[in-house]
Amino acid sequence: MLSNRIQTLKDGLFAEKRKISLERAKLYTQSWKETQGEPVIIKRGKALVNILNKVKIVINPGELIIGARTVKPRAGVISPEMSPYWILDELNEFSTRKQDKFEMSSNDKEYYKNELFPYWKGKSLKDYCDENIPEYIKETSKTKIVALNQTDKGQGHIIPDYEIVFKNGLGTLIENMKKKVLKYPDNNFYEASINTLEASRDYILRHGDIARNMAAIEENIERKVELEEISRIAYKVATDKPESFYEALQLFWYISLVFQHESNASSISPGRFDQYMYPYYINSIIDGISEEFLKELLRSLYIKFNTIVALRSTESARYFAGFPIGYTIVLGGLDVDGKDVTNKLSFLMLEILGDIRLPQPNLSVRVGEKSPRDFLMKIAETIRIGIGMPQVFNDEVNILAYVNRGVTLRDARDYEIGRASCRERVFAGC
């Protein structure tokens, strides 16, 4: 049974028709125009800075985990820097096509046709690819061996190392990068990194300011306390390491949003979430925080996962209907020493999936001969619900497959899953 808070937030995901948002595209383009002639890596970094500094921030009633990619949940975001052409071709089809429909206002359509498309025509990633891909490769697209005709969004398919942020804090990472910039002043990567790290810090602080201002005028005492805590956490994790489960979950989501603003990509996956989050869960249990509240925080995070959907071309949506964004989390499995590291959080993540019953996060489990029997039973119970998750990965098959391809045994034991498509599941020996 979901609490009234979570049920209301879940219902809010589907309260309105999905719309297309041009906010990111406008801010990205604005920055790109202002940085003409600069190295591409600097331009991309400054484009993210412009987004993080100016994108509108909203905190919805009842939220415990805050932060959103768009003002309206489940809004489609376009990336004309990837390819402006398919968007122009399909402007009038988004609301009528068979799969994954989106509403787009007439004003936004005109803005796209008159402002965004003319600017990005000839400057996009697709244009670069068309100029540099050999003709014999292009020929393969005509027979559908490969698909080169669309670049409908950022590609993603990466697993960020969230632990770097958790173990150091953004403040330390910023100081370390400042040293790199001083030592290597001509290194464009370091310059872009310090720009984006500082903008990420300021982006989190903006959330803290809004929560504090909302708390100051909130008349409901319980909600006022919640907003004050939300603000406190934002001010802390903007620079410092998290200590509690609440702080770690909120920092995780802030950083996840930064990745989404940067590339509008699918399959930016959390990886072994139950491993790097478990110490913070234990810290909160030791501090006397009730398990039910910690579960409510997880439910809140699961709702957040489902606020982000992928806007794809009509052709792509035929194969990926249902807005899969690929927030793949893998639970259980072995550590580098070959010890099974299934823990309490592994079980809770499956339990919360059964509570929320939404497609994100895309849960996977690693199982093998050392997996606890009660964990296997929990997996089976969750699969029985009928929501298509979790996907099951065979450790005995996968670890050996990696080793046979030259990966060290320690690294192979620590494998993660970036996105569990049907083909990847087959390869994984499921």
Protein backbone atom coordinates (compact mmCIF):
# COMPACT_ATOMS: atom_id res chain seq x y z
CA MET A 1 0.00 0.00 0.00
CA LEU A 2 1.47 3.33 -1.08
CA SER A 3 1.29 6.34 1.20
CA ASN A 4 -0.91 9.25 0.14
CA ARG A 5 2.27 11.20 -0.64
CA ILE A 6 3.67 8.63 -3.04
CA GLN A 7 0.32 7.83 -4.63
CA THR A 8 -0.25 11.53 -5.32
CA LEU A 9 3.21 11.91 -6.86
CA LYS A 10 2.67 8.78 -8.95
CA ASP A 11 -0.72 10.00 -10.17
CA GLY A 12 0.88 13.33 -11.05
CA LEU A 13 3.09 11.60 -13.61
CA PHE A 14 0.04 10.87 -15.73
CA ALA A 15 -2.21 13.81 -14.91
CA GLU A 16 -1.49 15.65 -18.16
CA LYS A 17 -0.59 14.75 -21.72
CA ARG A 18 3.13 14.57 -22.40
CA LYS A 19 4.52 17.76 -23.86
CA ILE A 20 7.72 18.68 -25.67
CA SER A 21 9.99 21.15 -23.88
CA LEU A 22 12.35 23.43 -25.82
CA GLU A 23 14.00 24.84 -22.69
CA ARG A 24 17.20 22.80 -22.93
CA ALA A 25 17.49 23.31 -26.69
CA LYS A 26 17.13 27.09 -26.32
CA LEU A 27 19.71 27.35 -23.53
CA TYR A 28 22.15 25.03 -25.30
CA THR A 29 21.82 27.01 -28.53
CA GLN A 30 22.17 30.35 -26.75
CA SER A 31 25.49 29.27 -25.29
CA TRP A 32 26.71 27.75 -28.56
CA LYS A 33 26.15 31.06 -30.32
CA GLU A 34 28.05 32.95 -27.63
CA THR A 35 31.10 30.65 -27.78
CA GLN A 36 31.78 30.62 -31.50
CA GLY A 37 35.40 29.86 -32.32
CA GLU A 38 36.18 28.15 -29.00
CA PRO A 39 37.25 24.48 -28.81
CA VAL A 40 34.32 22.07 -28.94
CA ILE A 41 34.99 20.63 -25.50
CA ILE A 42 34.91 24.12 -24.01
CA LYS A 43 31.75 24.96 -25.92
CA ARG A 44 30.01 21.83 -24.67
CA GLY A 45 31.07 22.55 -21.10
CA LYS A 46 29.82 26.12 -21.27
CA ALA A 47 26.54 24.95 -22.81
CA LEU A 48 25.97 22.74 -19.76
CA VAL A 49 26.90 25.63 -17.47
CA ASN A 50 24.32 27.83 -19.18
CA ILE A 51 21.65 25.16 -18.70
CA LEU A 52 22.46 24.54 -15.03
CA ASN A 53 22.53 28.27 -14.29
CA LYS A 54 19.25 29.12 -16.02
CA VAL A 55 16.98 26.07 -16.25
CA LYS A 56 13.79 26.53 -14.26
CA ILE A 57 13.65 24.67 -10.94
CA VAL A 58 10.42 23.41 -9.40
CA ILE A 59 9.67 21.68 -6.10
CA ASN A 60 6.32 19.96 -6.16
CA PRO A 61 4.05 19.55 -3.12
CA GLY A 62 4.97 16.59 -0.96
CA GLU A 63 8.29 15.80 -2.61
CA LEU A 64 11.07 14.43 -0.40
CA ILE A 65 13.57 13.94 -3.23
CA ILE A 66 13.60 17.07 -5.36
CA GLY A 67 14.93 18.07 -8.76
CA ALA A 68 13.54 17.69 -12.28
CA ARG A 69 14.82 17.82 -15.83
CA THR A 70 11.73 19.70 -16.99
CA VAL A 71 8.98 21.71 -15.34
CA LYS A 72 6.35 19.16 -16.37
CA PRO A 73 7.07 15.50 -15.62
CA ARG A 74 7.67 13.16 -18.54
CA ALA A 75 8.22 16.01 -20.98
CA GLY A 76 10.10 15.29 -24.18
CA VAL A 77 13.42 17.06 -24.61
CA ILE A 78 14.97 17.62 -28.04
CA SER A 79 18.65 17.85 -28.93
CA PRO A 80 19.04 19.71 -32.23
CA GLU A 81 22.82 19.62 -31.77
CA MET A 82 22.58 15.87 -32.42
CA SER A 83 20.36 16.15 -35.49
CA PRO A 84 17.88 18.92 -36.30
CA TYR A 85 16.49 17.22 -39.40
CA TRP A 86 14.24 14.46 -38.08
CA ILE A 87 12.64 16.92 -35.66
CA LEU A 88 11.70 19.27 -38.47
CA ASP A 89 10.30 16.38 -40.51
CA GLU A 90 8.15 15.15 -37.62
CA LEU A 91 6.98 18.40 -36.00
CA ASN A 92 3.37 17.73 -36.94
CA GLU A 93 3.47 14.01 -36.16
CA PHE A 94 4.43 13.95 -32.48
CA SER A 95 0.82 14.17 -31.30
CA THR A 96 -0.66 11.75 -33.86
CA ARG A 97 1.88 8.97 -34.32
CA LYS A 98 1.11 5.47 -33.03
CA GLN A 99 3.84 5.18 -30.40
CA ASP A 100 4.93 7.60 -27.69
CA LYS A 101 2.84 10.66 -28.47
CA PHE A 102 3.81 14.18 -27.36
CA GLU A 103 1.98 17.50 -27.59
CA MET A 104 3.87 20.47 -29.03
CA SER A 105 2.48 23.99 -29.11
CA SER A 106 2.18 25.88 -32.38
CA ASN A 107 4.46 28.60 -31.00
CA ASP A 108 7.16 26.06 -30.21
CA LYS A 109 6.83 24.55 -33.68
CA GLU A 110 7.32 27.98 -35.25
CA TYR A 111 10.28 28.73 -32.97
CA TYR A 112 11.89 25.47 -33.94
CA LYS A 113 11.38 26.06 -37.66
CA ASN A 114 12.50 29.70 -37.60
CA GLU A 115 15.21 29.72 -34.94
CA LEU A 116 16.59 26.35 -33.86
CA PHE A 117 16.59 24.47 -37.15
CA PRO A 118 18.24 27.21 -39.25
CA TYR A 119 21.01 27.57 -36.68
CA TRP A 120 21.84 23.86 -36.30
CA LYS A 121 21.50 22.98 -39.98
CA GLY A 122 25.01 22.03 -41.06
CA LYS A 123 26.45 22.17 -37.51
CA SER A 124 25.06 19.03 -35.87
CA LEU A 125 26.62 15.71 -34.97
CA LYS A 126 24.73 14.13 -37.84
CA ASP A 127 26.34 16.58 -40.26
CA TYR A 128 29.77 15.69 -38.87
CA CYS A 129 29.04 11.99 -39.27
CA ASP A 130 27.74 12.44 -42.81
CA GLU A 131 30.95 14.25 -43.74
CA ASN A 132 33.29 11.69 -42.18
CA ILE A 133 31.67 8.25 -42.49
CA PRO A 134 33.01 6.39 -45.56
CA GLU A 135 30.64 5.78 -48.44
CA TYR A 136 30.83 1.99 -48.12
CA ILE A 137 29.48 2.31 -44.56
CA LYS A 138 26.72 4.63 -45.71
CA GLU A 139 25.70 2.02 -48.27
CA THR A 140 24.93 -0.43 -45.49
CA SER A 141 22.22 1.87 -44.15
CA LYS A 142 20.31 1.58 -47.43
CA THR A 143 19.87 -2.16 -46.82
CA LYS A 144 19.17 -1.64 -43.10
CA ILE A 145 22.34 -3.43 -41.99
CA VAL A 146 23.04 -0.38 -39.82
CA ALA A 147 20.93 2.70 -39.10
CA LEU A 148 22.64 5.98 -39.96
CA ASN A 149 19.61 8.07 -40.84
CA GLN A 150 18.74 9.30 -37.34
CA THR A 151 20.56 10.75 -34.37
CA ASP A 152 17.48 11.44 -32.30
CA LYS A 153 19.04 12.08 -28.90
CA GLY A 154 22.23 11.75 -26.89
CA GLN A 155 23.31 8.12 -26.82
CA GLY A 156 24.43 7.60 -23.22
CA HIS A 157 25.07 3.93 -22.41
CA ILE A 158 27.47 4.80 -19.62
CA ILE A 159 27.73 4.02 -15.92
CA PRO A 160 29.08 7.07 -14.06
CA ASP A 161 31.31 6.53 -11.04
CA TYR A 162 28.97 8.05 -8.47
CA GLU A 163 31.28 6.89 -5.67
CA ILE A 164 33.85 9.50 -6.65
CA VAL A 165 31.38 12.22 -5.72
CA PHE A 166 30.14 10.43 -2.58
CA LYS A 167 33.60 9.73 -1.20
CA ASN A 168 35.06 13.16 -1.95
CA GLY A 169 32.23 15.67 -2.19
CA LEU A 170 31.92 18.21 -4.98
CA GLY A 171 33.97 20.72 -3.02
CA THR A 172 37.02 18.46 -2.95
CA LEU A 173 36.61 17.55 -6.61
CA ILE A 174 36.49 21.24 -7.48
CA GLU A 175 39.66 21.97 -5.47
CA ASN A 176 41.46 19.03 -7.09
CA MET A 177 40.43 20.23 -10.53
CA LYS A 178 41.63 23.76 -9.78
CA LYS A 179 45.07 22.29 -9.15
CA LYS A 180 44.92 20.49 -12.47
CA VAL A 181 43.94 23.69 -14.26
CA LEU A 182 46.85 25.57 -12.69
CA LYS A 183 49.28 22.81 -13.60
CA TYR A 184 47.95 22.31 -17.12
CA PRO A 185 46.45 25.68 -18.16
CA ASP A 186 46.24 24.66 -21.83
CA ASN A 187 44.30 21.47 -21.17
CA ASN A 188 40.78 22.07 -22.48
CA PHE A 189 39.36 19.04 -20.68
CA TYR A 190 40.42 20.33 -17.27
CA GLU A 191 39.05 23.79 -18.02
CA ALA A 192 35.71 22.36 -19.12
CA SER A 193 35.65 20.11 -16.05
CA ILE A 194 36.14 22.92 -13.54
CA ASN A 195 33.43 24.93 -15.29
CA THR A 196 30.90 22.11 -15.11
CA LEU A 197 31.80 21.04 -11.56
CA GLU A 198 31.32 24.57 -10.25
CA ALA A 199 28.07 24.90 -12.18
CA SER A 200 26.87 21.59 -10.68
CA ARG A 201 27.58 22.94 -7.21
CA ASP A 202 25.68 26.14 -7.96
CA TYR A 203 22.81 24.17 -9.48
CA ILE A 204 22.37 22.27 -6.22
CA LEU A 205 22.61 25.50 -4.22
CA ARG A 206 19.80 26.97 -6.33
CA HIS A 207 17.58 24.10 -5.15
CA GLY A 208 18.55 24.88 -1.56
CA ASP A 209 17.61 28.54 -1.97
CA ILE A 210 14.20 27.69 -3.43
CA ALA A 211 13.45 25.14 -0.69
CA ARG A 212 14.48 27.64 2.01
CA ASN A 213 12.25 30.35 0.53
CA MET A 214 9.34 27.95 0.30
CA ALA A 215 9.86 26.86 3.91
CA ALA A 216 9.77 30.48 5.06
CA ILE A 217 6.20 30.95 3.85
CA GLU A 218 4.88 27.40 4.35
CA GLU A 219 1.98 27.32 6.82
CA ASN A 220 1.81 23.55 7.25
CA ILE A 221 4.29 22.79 10.04
CA GLU A 222 5.08 19.26 8.87
CA ARG A 223 5.79 20.39 5.32
CA LYS A 224 7.77 23.37 6.61
CA VAL A 225 10.10 21.00 8.47
CA GLU A 226 10.47 18.84 5.36
CA LEU A 227 11.40 21.84 3.21
CA GLU A 228 13.93 23.01 5.78
CA GLU A 229 15.54 19.57 5.72
CA ILE A 230 15.54 19.55 1.91
CA SER A 231 17.27 22.94 1.98
CA ARG A 232 19.81 21.82 4.58
CA ILE A 233 20.72 18.78 2.52
CA ALA A 234 21.16 20.84 -0.65
CA TYR A 235 23.49 23.29 1.07
CA LYS A 236 25.51 20.42 2.50
CA VAL A 237 25.90 18.13 -0.52
CA ALA A 238 26.62 21.04 -2.86
CA THR A 239 30.17 20.82 -1.52
CA ASP A 240 30.47 18.16 1.21
CA LYS A 241 30.30 14.37 1.32
CA PRO A 242 26.93 12.84 2.21
CA GLU A 243 26.64 10.96 5.49
CA SER A 244 23.02 9.84 5.75
CA PHE A 245 20.96 7.79 3.31
CA TYR A 246 18.75 10.82 2.62
CA GLU A 247 21.77 12.98 1.77
CA ALA A 248 23.26 10.30 -0.49
CA LEU A 249 20.01 9.67 -2.36
CA GLN A 250 19.46 13.38 -2.95
CA LEU A 251 23.03 13.97 -4.13
CA PHE A 252 22.70 10.95 -6.42
CA TRP A 253 19.62 12.47 -8.03
CA TYR A 254 21.16 15.92 -8.41
CA ILE A 255 24.15 14.42 -10.22
CA SER A 256 21.85 12.26 -12.36
CA LEU A 257 20.02 15.42 -13.47
CA VAL A 258 23.30 17.08 -14.40
CA PHE A 259 24.06 14.14 -16.70
CA GLN A 260 20.62 14.44 -18.28
CA HIS A 261 20.98 18.17 -18.84
CA GLU A 262 24.41 17.61 -20.39
CA SER A 263 23.53 15.06 -23.04
CA ASN A 264 19.79 14.26 -22.97
CA ALA A 265 20.78 10.62 -23.15
CA SER A 266 19.31 7.24 -22.33
CA SER A 267 21.00 4.48 -20.35
CA ILE A 268 23.00 6.67 -17.99
CA SER A 269 22.82 3.90 -15.46
CA PRO A 270 23.38 3.83 -11.67
CA GLY A 271 25.23 0.50 -11.77
CA ARG A 272 25.71 -1.37 -8.45
CA PHE A 273 23.46 0.94 -6.50
CA ASP A 274 22.95 -1.45 -3.57
CA GLN A 275 26.71 -1.59 -3.01
CA TYR A 276 27.74 2.06 -2.92
CA MET A 277 24.52 3.19 -1.20
CA TYR A 278 24.53 0.52 1.50
CA PRO A 279 26.96 2.28 3.91
CA TYR A 280 24.69 5.33 3.98
CA TYR A 281 21.66 3.15 4.61
CA ILE A 282 23.45 1.55 7.57
CA ASN A 283 24.50 4.97 8.88
CA SER A 284 20.87 6.08 8.98
CA ILE A 285 19.72 2.86 10.64
CA ILE A 286 22.40 3.32 13.32
CA ASP A 287 21.25 6.92 13.79
CA GLY A 288 17.76 5.68 14.55
CA ILE A 289 16.01 6.62 11.32
CA SER A 290 13.08 4.26 10.78
CA GLU A 291 13.29 1.76 7.96
CA GLU A 292 9.85 2.84 6.80
CA PHE A 293 11.07 6.41 6.24
CA LEU A 294 14.09 5.12 4.34
CA LYS A 295 11.75 3.06 2.18
CA GLU A 296 9.64 6.17 1.58
CA LEU A 297 12.77 7.94 0.35
CA LEU A 298 13.44 5.09 -2.06
CA ARG A 299 9.86 5.22 -3.31
CA SER A 300 10.32 8.96 -3.86
CA LEU A 301 13.47 8.29 -5.88
CA TYR A 302 11.67 5.67 -7.98
CA ILE A 303 9.03 8.27 -8.81
CA LYS A 304 11.80 10.63 -9.90
CA PHE A 305 13.26 8.01 -12.23
CA ASN A 306 9.91 7.93 -14.02
CA THR A 307 9.72 11.70 -14.56
CA ILE A 308 12.30 11.38 -17.35
CA VAL A 309 11.37 9.87 -20.71
CA ALA A 310 13.11 9.71 -24.07
CA LEU A 311 11.71 11.58 -27.06
CA ARG A 312 12.59 9.45 -30.06
CA SER A 313 11.95 9.66 -33.76
CA THR A 314 8.92 7.79 -35.07
CA GLU A 315 11.13 5.05 -36.49
CA SER A 316 13.04 4.67 -33.24
CA ALA A 317 9.84 4.74 -31.17
CA ARG A 318 8.56 1.73 -33.13
CA TYR A 319 11.30 -0.35 -31.54
CA PHE A 320 11.53 1.39 -28.18
CA ALA A 321 7.92 2.26 -27.42
CA GLY A 322 7.05 2.98 -23.81
CA PHE A 323 9.67 5.66 -23.19
CA PRO A 324 12.49 3.43 -21.84
CA ILE A 325 15.23 5.67 -20.46
CA GLY A 326 17.38 2.80 -19.22
CA TYR A 327 18.17 3.70 -15.62
CA THR A 328 19.60 0.21 -15.10
CA ILE A 329 20.42 -0.79 -11.54
CA VAL A 330 22.05 -4.14 -10.81
CA LEU A 331 21.61 -5.83 -7.44
CA GLY A 332 23.53 -8.59 -5.72
CA GLY A 333 26.45 -10.51 -7.19
CA LEU A 334 30.08 -10.92 -6.17
CA ASP A 335 32.74 -8.45 -5.09
CA VAL A 336 36.28 -8.40 -6.47
CA ASP A 337 37.33 -11.11 -4.02
CA GLY A 338 34.55 -13.47 -5.08
CA LYS A 339 32.34 -12.95 -2.04
CA ASP A 340 28.58 -12.57 -2.46
CA VAL A 341 27.63 -9.04 -1.43
CA THR A 342 23.85 -9.21 -1.48
CA ASN A 343 22.62 -7.01 1.37
CA LYS A 344 19.50 -5.60 2.97
CA LEU A 345 19.29 -2.84 0.39
CA SER A 346 19.27 -5.44 -2.41
CA PHE A 347 16.03 -6.81 -0.95
CA LEU A 348 14.52 -3.37 -0.36
CA MET A 349 15.10 -2.29 -3.95
CA LEU A 350 13.07 -5.28 -5.16
CA GLU A 351 10.37 -4.60 -2.58
CA ILE A 352 10.04 -0.96 -3.65
CA LEU A 353 9.78 -2.02 -7.30
CA GLY A 354 6.81 -4.16 -6.29
CA ASP A 355 5.29 -1.17 -4.50
CA ILE A 356 5.71 1.39 -7.27
CA ARG A 357 5.15 -0.86 -10.32
CA LEU A 358 6.58 1.56 -12.86
CA PRO A 359 9.15 0.84 -15.60
CA GLN A 360 12.01 2.76 -14.01
CA PRO A 361 14.48 2.06 -12.56
CA ASN A 362 15.25 -0.85 -14.86
CA LEU A 363 16.21 -3.40 -12.20
CA SER A 364 18.59 -6.27 -12.88
CA VAL A 365 20.00 -8.90 -10.54
CA ARG A 366 23.25 -10.83 -10.56
CA VAL A 367 22.85 -14.41 -9.36
CA GLY A 368 25.14 -17.40 -9.00
CA GLU A 369 25.92 -20.38 -6.87
CA LYS A 370 26.73 -18.15 -3.88
CA SER A 371 23.49 -16.13 -4.01
CA PRO A 372 21.42 -16.44 -0.80
CA ARG A 373 18.34 -18.59 -1.27
CA ASP A 374 16.06 -15.97 0.26
CA PHE A 375 17.33 -13.46 -2.32
CA LEU A 376 16.51 -15.91 -5.12
CA MET A 377 13.04 -16.30 -3.66
CA LYS A 378 12.58 -12.52 -3.50
CA ILE A 379 13.63 -12.29 -7.15
CA ALA A 380 11.08 -14.93 -8.11
CA GLU A 381 8.33 -13.21 -6.13
CA THR A 382 9.08 -9.91 -7.88
CA ILE A 383 9.13 -11.49 -11.34
CA ARG A 384 5.79 -13.10 -10.53
CA ILE A 385 4.19 -9.64 -10.22
CA GLY A 386 4.38 -9.45 -14.01
CA ILE A 387 6.12 -6.12 -14.65
CA GLY A 388 9.01 -7.67 -16.58
CA MET A 389 11.65 -7.08 -13.93
CA PRO A 390 14.14 -7.82 -12.63
CA GLN A 391 16.30 -9.10 -15.47
CA VAL A 392 18.48 -11.99 -14.31
CA PHE A 393 22.20 -12.18 -15.09
CA ASN A 394 24.18 -15.37 -14.57
CA ASP A 395 27.45 -14.61 -12.74
CA GLU A 396 29.05 -17.92 -13.67
CA VAL A 397 28.52 -17.25 -17.37
CA ASN A 398 29.27 -13.53 -17.39
CA ILE A 399 32.41 -13.53 -15.27
CA LEU A 400 33.93 -16.32 -17.36
CA ALA A 401 32.96 -14.50 -20.56
CA TYR A 402 34.79 -11.38 -19.44
CA VAL A 403 37.87 -13.34 -18.37
CA ASN A 404 37.96 -15.14 -21.71
CA ARG A 405 38.08 -11.73 -23.38
CA GLY A 406 41.09 -10.58 -21.40
CA VAL A 407 39.44 -8.85 -18.42
CA THR A 408 41.12 -9.53 -15.08
CA LEU A 409 39.23 -11.81 -12.71
CA ARG A 410 38.86 -9.07 -10.10
CA ASP A 411 37.39 -6.65 -12.64
CA ALA A 412 35.17 -9.33 -14.16
CA ARG A 413 33.67 -10.11 -10.76
CA ASP A 414 32.72 -6.43 -10.39
CA TYR A 415 30.87 -6.15 -13.70
CA GLU A 416 27.93 -3.81 -14.00
CA ILE A 417 25.06 -3.52 -16.45
CA GLY A 418 24.61 -0.37 -18.48
CA ARG A 419 21.44 -1.30 -20.28
CA ALA A 420 19.57 -4.59 -20.41
CA SER A 421 18.24 -4.91 -23.91
CA CYS A 422 17.03 -8.24 -25.23
CA ARG A 423 20.29 -8.88 -27.04
CA GLU A 424 22.36 -7.99 -24.00
CA ARG A 425 20.33 -10.35 -21.85
CA VAL A 426 20.92 -13.20 -24.29
CA PHE A 427 24.66 -12.52 -24.34
CA ALA A 428 24.63 -12.39 -20.56
CA GLY A 429 23.63 -16.03 -20.41
CA CYS A 430 20.16 -15.47 -18.95
